[in-house]
């Protein structure tokens, strides 16, 4: 199953709702669309409530997005992340790299 991303550009930010798995099978397609979801002005908020499964590839995608946005003096905000994502981030020791906003 592929992940889907629904864009909601707003005046001072972009909001994207991700759904489905965020794993090694779905990340390459999402990464191909990064120019679209990293474009624009203001912060980027990812709503993750409908993300079913996350693995290290999903975490890597989030970290890379954060890195790119930081270089642009923008912020990545993660909302409604599930327990699995939070656990992987904690166990991997990369929690300080991501901004969970809920």
N, C-alpha and C. Protein backbone atom coordinates (compact mmCIF):
# COMPACT_ATOMS: atom_id res chain seq x y z
N UNK A 1 0.84 -1.19 0.00
CA UNK A 1 0.00 0.00 0.00
C UNK A 1 0.88 1.24 0.00
N UNK A 2 0.51 2.21 -0.77
CA UNK A 2 1.29 3.45 -0.87
C UNK A 2 0.76 4.49 0.11
N UNK A 3 1.66 5.34 0.54
CA UNK A 3 1.27 6.47 1.38
C UNK A 3 0.67 7.53 0.48
N UNK A 4 -0.25 8.30 1.04
CA UNK A 4 -0.81 9.41 0.30
C UNK A 4 -0.57 10.70 1.08
N UNK A 5 -0.46 11.78 0.36
CA UNK A 5 -0.25 13.09 0.96
C UNK A 5 -1.28 14.06 0.40
N UNK A 6 -1.97 14.74 1.30
CA UNK A 6 -2.97 15.72 0.91
C UNK A 6 -2.48 17.10 1.32
N UNK A 7 -2.27 17.97 0.33
CA UNK A 7 -1.71 19.30 0.57
C UNK A 7 -2.82 20.29 0.89
N UNK A 8 -2.52 21.18 1.82
CA UNK A 8 -3.42 22.29 2.16
C UNK A 8 -2.57 23.55 2.32
N UNK A 9 -2.20 24.19 1.21
CA UNK A 9 -1.42 25.42 1.34
C UNK A 9 -2.23 26.48 2.07
N UNK A 10 -1.59 27.17 2.98
CA UNK A 10 -2.23 28.25 3.72
C UNK A 10 -1.40 29.51 3.55
N UNK A 11 -1.90 30.60 4.04
CA UNK A 11 -1.25 31.89 3.81
C UNK A 11 0.19 31.93 4.30
N UNK A 12 0.44 31.44 5.50
CA UNK A 12 1.78 31.53 6.07
C UNK A 12 2.42 30.17 6.36
N UNK A 13 1.83 29.10 5.85
CA UNK A 13 2.36 27.76 6.11
C UNK A 13 1.75 26.78 5.12
N UNK A 14 2.28 25.56 5.15
CA UNK A 14 1.72 24.47 4.37
C UNK A 14 1.40 23.34 5.33
N UNK A 15 0.22 22.75 5.16
CA UNK A 15 -0.19 21.62 5.99
C UNK A 15 -0.37 20.43 5.06
N UNK A 16 0.24 19.31 5.43
CA UNK A 16 0.12 18.08 4.66
C UNK A 16 -0.36 16.98 5.58
N UNK A 17 -1.42 16.29 5.19
CA UNK A 17 -1.91 15.14 5.93
C UNK A 17 -1.40 13.88 5.23
N UNK A 18 -0.60 13.11 5.94
CA UNK A 18 -0.09 11.85 5.40
C UNK A 18 -0.97 10.71 5.88
N UNK A 19 -1.17 9.72 5.03
CA UNK A 19 -1.92 8.53 5.42
C UNK A 19 -1.29 7.31 4.79
N UNK A 20 -1.54 6.16 5.41
CA UNK A 20 -0.96 4.92 4.95
C UNK A 20 0.39 4.68 5.61
N UNK A 21 1.14 3.73 5.11
CA UNK A 21 2.45 3.44 5.70
C UNK A 21 3.49 4.48 5.32
N UNK A 22 4.39 4.73 6.23
CA UNK A 22 5.54 5.61 5.99
C UNK A 22 6.76 4.72 6.17
N UNK A 23 7.03 3.92 5.13
CA UNK A 23 8.06 2.90 5.24
C UNK A 23 8.91 2.82 3.98
N UNK A 24 9.80 1.85 3.94
CA UNK A 24 10.74 1.74 2.83
C UNK A 24 10.05 1.57 1.48
N UNK A 25 8.82 1.09 1.48
CA UNK A 25 8.10 0.93 0.22
C UNK A 25 7.45 2.22 -0.25
N UNK A 26 7.03 3.07 0.67
CA UNK A 26 6.31 4.28 0.30
C UNK A 26 7.18 5.54 0.27
N UNK A 27 8.28 5.53 1.01
CA UNK A 27 9.12 6.73 1.12
C UNK A 27 9.68 7.18 -0.23
N UNK A 28 10.16 6.29 -1.11
CA UNK A 28 10.72 6.78 -2.38
C UNK A 28 9.73 7.64 -3.19
N UNK A 29 8.48 7.24 -3.24
CA UNK A 29 7.49 8.03 -3.99
C UNK A 29 7.24 9.38 -3.31
N UNK A 30 7.16 9.39 -1.98
CA UNK A 30 6.99 10.66 -1.27
C UNK A 30 8.19 11.56 -1.47
N UNK A 31 9.38 10.97 -1.45
CA UNK A 31 10.60 11.77 -1.61
C UNK A 31 10.67 12.38 -3.01
N UNK A 32 10.16 11.68 -4.01
CA UNK A 32 10.14 12.22 -5.37
C UNK A 32 9.29 13.49 -5.45
N UNK A 33 8.31 13.61 -4.55
CA UNK A 33 7.43 14.77 -4.55
C UNK A 33 7.89 15.86 -3.58
N UNK A 34 9.08 15.71 -3.02
CA UNK A 34 9.53 16.64 -1.97
C UNK A 34 9.56 18.09 -2.43
N UNK A 35 9.89 18.34 -3.68
CA UNK A 35 9.92 19.73 -4.16
C UNK A 35 8.56 20.39 -3.98
N UNK A 36 7.51 19.62 -4.18
CA UNK A 36 6.16 20.16 -4.03
C UNK A 36 5.86 20.46 -2.56
N UNK A 37 6.17 19.53 -1.68
CA UNK A 37 5.79 19.76 -0.28
C UNK A 37 6.81 20.53 0.53
N UNK A 38 8.00 20.73 0.00
CA UNK A 38 8.98 21.59 0.68
C UNK A 38 9.01 23.00 0.10
N UNK A 39 8.26 23.21 -0.97
CA UNK A 39 8.20 24.54 -1.59
C UNK A 39 7.33 25.47 -0.76
N UNK A 40 7.44 26.71 -1.05
CA UNK A 40 6.58 27.67 -0.39
C UNK A 40 7.27 28.41 0.73
N UNK A 41 6.50 29.21 1.39
CA UNK A 41 6.99 30.04 2.49
C UNK A 41 6.41 29.51 3.79
N UNK A 42 7.02 29.89 4.87
CA UNK A 42 6.49 29.53 6.18
C UNK A 42 6.79 28.10 6.56
N UNK A 43 6.23 27.72 7.69
CA UNK A 43 6.48 26.40 8.24
C UNK A 43 5.70 25.33 7.50
N UNK A 44 6.12 24.09 7.72
CA UNK A 44 5.43 22.93 7.16
C UNK A 44 4.93 22.09 8.33
N UNK A 45 3.64 21.80 8.34
CA UNK A 45 3.05 20.94 9.36
C UNK A 45 2.62 19.65 8.70
N UNK A 46 3.05 18.53 9.27
CA UNK A 46 2.62 17.22 8.81
C UNK A 46 1.66 16.63 9.83
N UNK A 47 0.44 16.34 9.40
CA UNK A 47 -0.54 15.64 10.23
C UNK A 47 -0.32 14.15 10.00
N UNK A 48 -0.04 13.43 11.06
CA UNK A 48 0.35 12.03 10.95
C UNK A 48 -0.66 11.07 11.56
N UNK A 49 -1.86 11.53 11.88
CA UNK A 49 -2.86 10.70 12.56
C UNK A 49 -3.22 9.45 11.76
N UNK A 50 -3.20 9.53 10.44
CA UNK A 50 -3.61 8.40 9.60
C UNK A 50 -2.44 7.58 9.07
N UNK A 51 -1.25 7.82 9.61
CA UNK A 51 -0.09 7.00 9.24
C UNK A 51 -0.20 5.69 10.01
N UNK A 52 -0.21 4.58 9.28
CA UNK A 52 -0.46 3.27 9.88
C UNK A 52 0.79 2.60 10.42
N UNK A 53 1.87 2.76 9.70
CA UNK A 53 3.09 2.02 10.02
C UNK A 53 4.28 2.90 9.67
N UNK A 54 5.31 2.85 10.50
CA UNK A 54 6.51 3.66 10.27
C UNK A 54 7.73 2.77 10.47
N UNK A 55 8.74 2.94 9.62
CA UNK A 55 10.02 2.27 9.85
C UNK A 55 11.13 3.31 9.75
N UNK A 56 12.37 2.84 9.75
CA UNK A 56 13.50 3.76 9.75
C UNK A 56 13.54 4.64 8.50
N UNK A 57 13.03 4.15 7.38
CA UNK A 57 12.99 4.97 6.16
C UNK A 57 12.04 6.15 6.35
N UNK A 58 10.94 5.93 7.03
CA UNK A 58 10.01 7.02 7.32
C UNK A 58 10.63 8.06 8.23
N UNK A 59 11.35 7.59 9.25
CA UNK A 59 12.03 8.52 10.16
C UNK A 59 13.09 9.31 9.39
N UNK A 60 13.83 8.64 8.52
CA UNK A 60 14.86 9.32 7.73
C UNK A 60 14.25 10.39 6.84
N UNK A 61 13.10 10.12 6.24
CA UNK A 61 12.41 11.11 5.42
C UNK A 61 12.08 12.35 6.25
N UNK A 62 11.58 12.16 7.46
CA UNK A 62 11.22 13.29 8.32
C UNK A 62 12.45 14.09 8.72
N UNK A 63 13.54 13.39 9.02
CA UNK A 63 14.78 14.08 9.41
C UNK A 63 15.34 14.88 8.24
N UNK A 64 15.32 14.31 7.04
CA UNK A 64 15.82 15.02 5.86
C UNK A 64 14.96 16.25 5.56
N UNK A 65 13.65 16.09 5.69
CA UNK A 65 12.76 17.23 5.47
C UNK A 65 13.06 18.33 6.48
N UNK A 66 13.27 17.95 7.74
CA UNK A 66 13.60 18.92 8.78
C UNK A 66 14.90 19.64 8.43
N UNK A 67 15.88 18.89 7.96
CA UNK A 67 17.18 19.48 7.61
C UNK A 67 17.04 20.51 6.49
N UNK A 68 16.30 20.16 5.46
CA UNK A 68 16.10 21.07 4.33
C UNK A 68 15.37 22.32 4.78
N UNK A 69 14.32 22.14 5.55
CA UNK A 69 13.54 23.29 6.02
C UNK A 69 14.37 24.18 6.94
N UNK A 70 15.18 23.59 7.77
CA UNK A 70 16.03 24.38 8.67
C UNK A 70 17.00 25.25 7.87
N UNK A 71 17.54 24.71 6.77
CA UNK A 71 18.42 25.49 5.91
C UNK A 71 17.68 26.68 5.29
N UNK A 72 16.38 26.55 5.14
CA UNK A 72 15.55 27.63 4.60
C UNK A 72 14.97 28.52 5.71
N UNK A 73 15.42 28.29 6.93
CA UNK A 73 14.92 29.02 8.11
C UNK A 73 13.42 28.82 8.31
N UNK A 74 13.00 27.58 8.08
CA UNK A 74 11.61 27.18 8.27
C UNK A 74 11.58 26.04 9.27
N UNK A 75 10.40 25.69 9.72
CA UNK A 75 10.25 24.65 10.74
C UNK A 75 9.34 23.55 10.24
N UNK A 76 9.67 22.31 10.60
CA UNK A 76 8.80 21.16 10.36
C UNK A 76 8.11 20.84 11.68
N UNK A 77 6.78 20.83 11.65
CA UNK A 77 6.00 20.51 12.84
C UNK A 77 5.26 19.20 12.58
N UNK A 78 5.41 18.26 13.50
CA UNK A 78 4.75 16.96 13.37
C UNK A 78 3.58 16.91 14.34
N UNK A 79 2.40 16.62 13.82
CA UNK A 79 1.21 16.57 14.67
C UNK A 79 0.58 15.19 14.62
N UNK A 80 0.08 14.76 15.76
CA UNK A 80 -0.66 13.51 15.91
C UNK A 80 0.15 12.29 15.48
N UNK A 81 1.41 12.29 15.84
CA UNK A 81 2.27 11.14 15.53
C UNK A 81 1.86 9.96 16.40
N UNK A 82 1.86 8.77 15.82
CA UNK A 82 1.47 7.59 16.59
C UNK A 82 2.60 7.12 17.50
N UNK A 83 2.26 6.18 18.36
CA UNK A 83 3.23 5.67 19.33
C UNK A 83 4.42 4.99 18.67
N UNK A 84 4.17 4.30 17.57
CA UNK A 84 5.26 3.61 16.87
C UNK A 84 6.31 4.60 16.39
N UNK A 85 5.89 5.69 15.78
CA UNK A 85 6.84 6.69 15.31
C UNK A 85 7.61 7.29 16.48
N UNK A 86 6.91 7.64 17.52
CA UNK A 86 7.58 8.22 18.69
C UNK A 86 8.58 7.25 19.30
N UNK A 87 8.22 5.97 19.35
CA UNK A 87 9.12 4.96 19.92
C UNK A 87 10.38 4.79 19.07
N UNK A 88 10.22 4.72 17.75
CA UNK A 88 11.38 4.56 16.86
C UNK A 88 12.31 5.76 17.00
N UNK A 89 11.74 6.95 17.06
CA UNK A 89 12.53 8.18 17.19
C UNK A 89 13.29 8.18 18.51
N UNK A 90 12.63 7.78 19.59
CA UNK A 90 13.28 7.75 20.91
C UNK A 90 14.39 6.71 20.95
N UNK A 91 14.09 5.50 20.51
CA UNK A 91 15.07 4.40 20.55
C UNK A 91 16.27 4.71 19.65
N UNK A 92 16.02 5.39 18.55
CA UNK A 92 17.10 5.73 17.61
C UNK A 92 17.95 6.89 18.09
N UNK A 93 17.49 7.59 19.11
CA UNK A 93 18.26 8.71 19.64
C UNK A 93 18.18 9.97 18.79
N UNK A 94 17.12 10.10 18.00
CA UNK A 94 17.00 11.27 17.13
C UNK A 94 15.83 12.18 17.51
N UNK A 95 15.29 12.00 18.69
CA UNK A 95 14.13 12.78 19.12
C UNK A 95 14.41 14.28 19.10
N UNK A 96 15.65 14.66 19.38
CA UNK A 96 16.00 16.09 19.40
C UNK A 96 15.98 16.72 18.01
N UNK A 97 15.95 15.90 16.97
CA UNK A 97 15.98 16.43 15.60
C UNK A 97 14.59 16.75 15.07
N UNK A 98 13.55 16.27 15.75
CA UNK A 98 12.19 16.44 15.25
C UNK A 98 11.34 17.21 16.24
N UNK A 99 10.34 17.91 15.72
CA UNK A 99 9.49 18.78 16.52
C UNK A 99 8.07 18.22 16.56
N UNK A 100 7.75 17.48 17.63
CA UNK A 100 6.40 16.95 17.79
C UNK A 100 5.54 18.02 18.44
N UNK A 101 4.43 18.36 17.80
CA UNK A 101 3.57 19.47 18.24
C UNK A 101 2.19 18.99 18.66
N UNK A 102 2.10 18.15 19.67
CA UNK A 102 0.76 17.80 20.16
C UNK A 102 0.79 17.42 21.60
